[in-house]
Amino acid sequence: MRPRRELAQHWLRSDKALSSIIKTADLQDTDKVLEIGPGQGILTQQLIDKVKSLV
């Protein structure tokens, strides 16, 4: 799967950026998260075990 530049698609690939996002979000196991445009699911995989629900 390739990002389509004309749709301004950008996918998360950096482990450092991923760690920074998770740390900054300060998620709790009671949080409900709506992920828009999950791309390849890299962030989704990290979120799923940290929050109450993920859509």
C-alpha atoms as a PDB file:
ATOM      1  CA  MET A   1       0.000   0.000   0.000  1.00  0.00           C
ATOM      2  CA  ARG A   2       1.350   3.425  -0.934  1.00  0.00           C
ATOM      3  CA  PRO A   3       0.302   6.855   0.304  1.00  0.00           C
ATOM      4  CA  ARG A   4      -1.509   8.977  -2.261  1.00  0.00           C
ATOM      5  CA  ARG A   5       0.101  12.408  -2.245  1.00  0.00           C
ATOM      6  CA  GLU A   6      -2.906  13.981  -3.976  1.00  0.00           C
ATOM      7  CA  LEU A   7      -4.944  13.014  -0.900  1.00  0.00           C
ATOM      8  CA  ALA A   8      -2.225  14.366   1.419  1.00  0.00           C
ATOM      9  CA  GLN A   9      -1.744  10.933   2.966  1.00  0.00           C
ATOM     10  CA  HIS A  10       1.203  10.544   5.342  1.00  0.00           C
ATOM     11  CA  TRP A  11       1.840   7.385   7.335  1.00  0.00           C
ATOM     12  CA  LEU A  12       3.557   7.072  10.677  1.00  0.00           C
ATOM     13  CA  ARG A  13       6.754   5.051  10.347  1.00  0.00           C
ATOM     14  CA  SER A  14       9.108   6.439  12.972  1.00  0.00           C
ATOM     15  CA  ASP A  15       9.294   4.538  16.265  1.00  0.00           C
ATOM     16  CA  LYS A  16      10.592   7.711  17.917  1.00  0.00           C
ATOM     17  CA  ALA A  17       7.580   9.730  16.720  1.00  0.00           C
ATOM     18  CA  LEU A  18       5.219   6.934  17.791  1.00  0.00           C
ATOM     19  CA  SER A  19       6.699   6.851  21.299  1.00  0.00           C
ATOM     20  CA  SER A  20       6.437  10.629  21.542  1.00  0.00           C
ATOM     21  CA  ILE A  21       2.760  10.603  20.525  1.00  0.00           C
ATOM     22  CA  ILE A  22       1.881   7.899  23.062  1.00  0.00           C
ATOM     23  CA  LYS A  23       3.806   9.635  25.856  1.00  0.00           C
ATOM     24  CA  THR A  24       2.338  13.080  25.103  1.00  0.00           C
ATOM     25  CA  ALA A  25      -1.223  11.735  24.935  1.00  0.00           C
ATOM     26  CA  ASP A  26      -0.944  10.565  28.577  1.00  0.00           C
ATOM     27  CA  LEU A  27      -3.629   7.941  27.991  1.00  0.00           C
ATOM     28  CA  GLN A  28      -5.506   6.216  30.797  1.00  0.00           C
ATOM     29  CA  ASP A  29      -7.259   2.842  30.800  1.00  0.00           C
ATOM     30  CA  THR A  30     -10.568   4.715  31.157  1.00  0.00           C
ATOM     31  CA  ASP A  31     -10.097   6.802  27.975  1.00  0.00           C
ATOM     32  CA  LYS A  32     -12.220   6.389  24.861  1.00  0.00           C
ATOM     33  CA  VAL A  33     -10.313   7.204  21.660  1.00  0.00           C
ATOM     34  CA  LEU A  34     -11.486   7.933  18.132  1.00  0.00           C
ATOM     35  CA  GLU A  35      -8.658   7.395  15.661  1.00  0.00           C
ATOM     36  CA  ILE A  36      -9.245   9.089  12.322  1.00  0.00           C
ATOM     37  CA  GLY A  37      -7.328   7.813   9.315  1.00  0.00           C
ATOM     38  CA  PRO A  38      -5.452   4.937  10.965  1.00  0.00           C
ATOM     39  CA  GLY A  39      -3.357   4.259   7.864  1.00  0.00           C
ATOM     40  CA  GLN A  40      -1.412   1.038   8.371  1.00  0.00           C
ATOM     41  CA  GLY A  41      -2.433   0.699  12.018  1.00  0.00           C
ATOM     42  CA  ILE A  42       0.929   1.435  13.622  1.00  0.00           C
ATOM     43  CA  LEU A  43      -0.590   3.825  16.187  1.00  0.00           C
ATOM     44  CA  THR A  44      -3.679   1.624  16.554  1.00  0.00           C
ATOM     45  CA  GLN A  45      -1.548  -1.281  17.779  1.00  0.00           C
ATOM     46  CA  GLN A  46      -0.106   0.888  20.544  1.00  0.00           C
ATOM     47  CA  LEU A  47      -3.436   2.417  21.555  1.00  0.00           C
ATOM     48  CA  ILE A  48      -5.501  -0.753  21.794  1.00  0.00           C
ATOM     49  CA  ASP A  49      -3.946  -1.999  25.060  1.00  0.00           C
ATOM     50  CA  LYS A  50      -3.808   1.427  26.719  1.00  0.00           C
ATOM     51  CA  VAL A  51      -7.407   2.665  26.482  1.00  0.00           C
ATOM     52  CA  LYS A  52     -10.906   1.498  27.392  1.00  0.00           C
ATOM     53  CA  SER A  53     -12.200   1.665  23.823  1.00  0.00           C
ATOM     54  CA  LEU A  54     -10.809   2.531  20.421  1.00  0.00           C
ATOM     55  CA  VAL A  55     -12.854   3.285  17.326  1.00  0.00           C
END
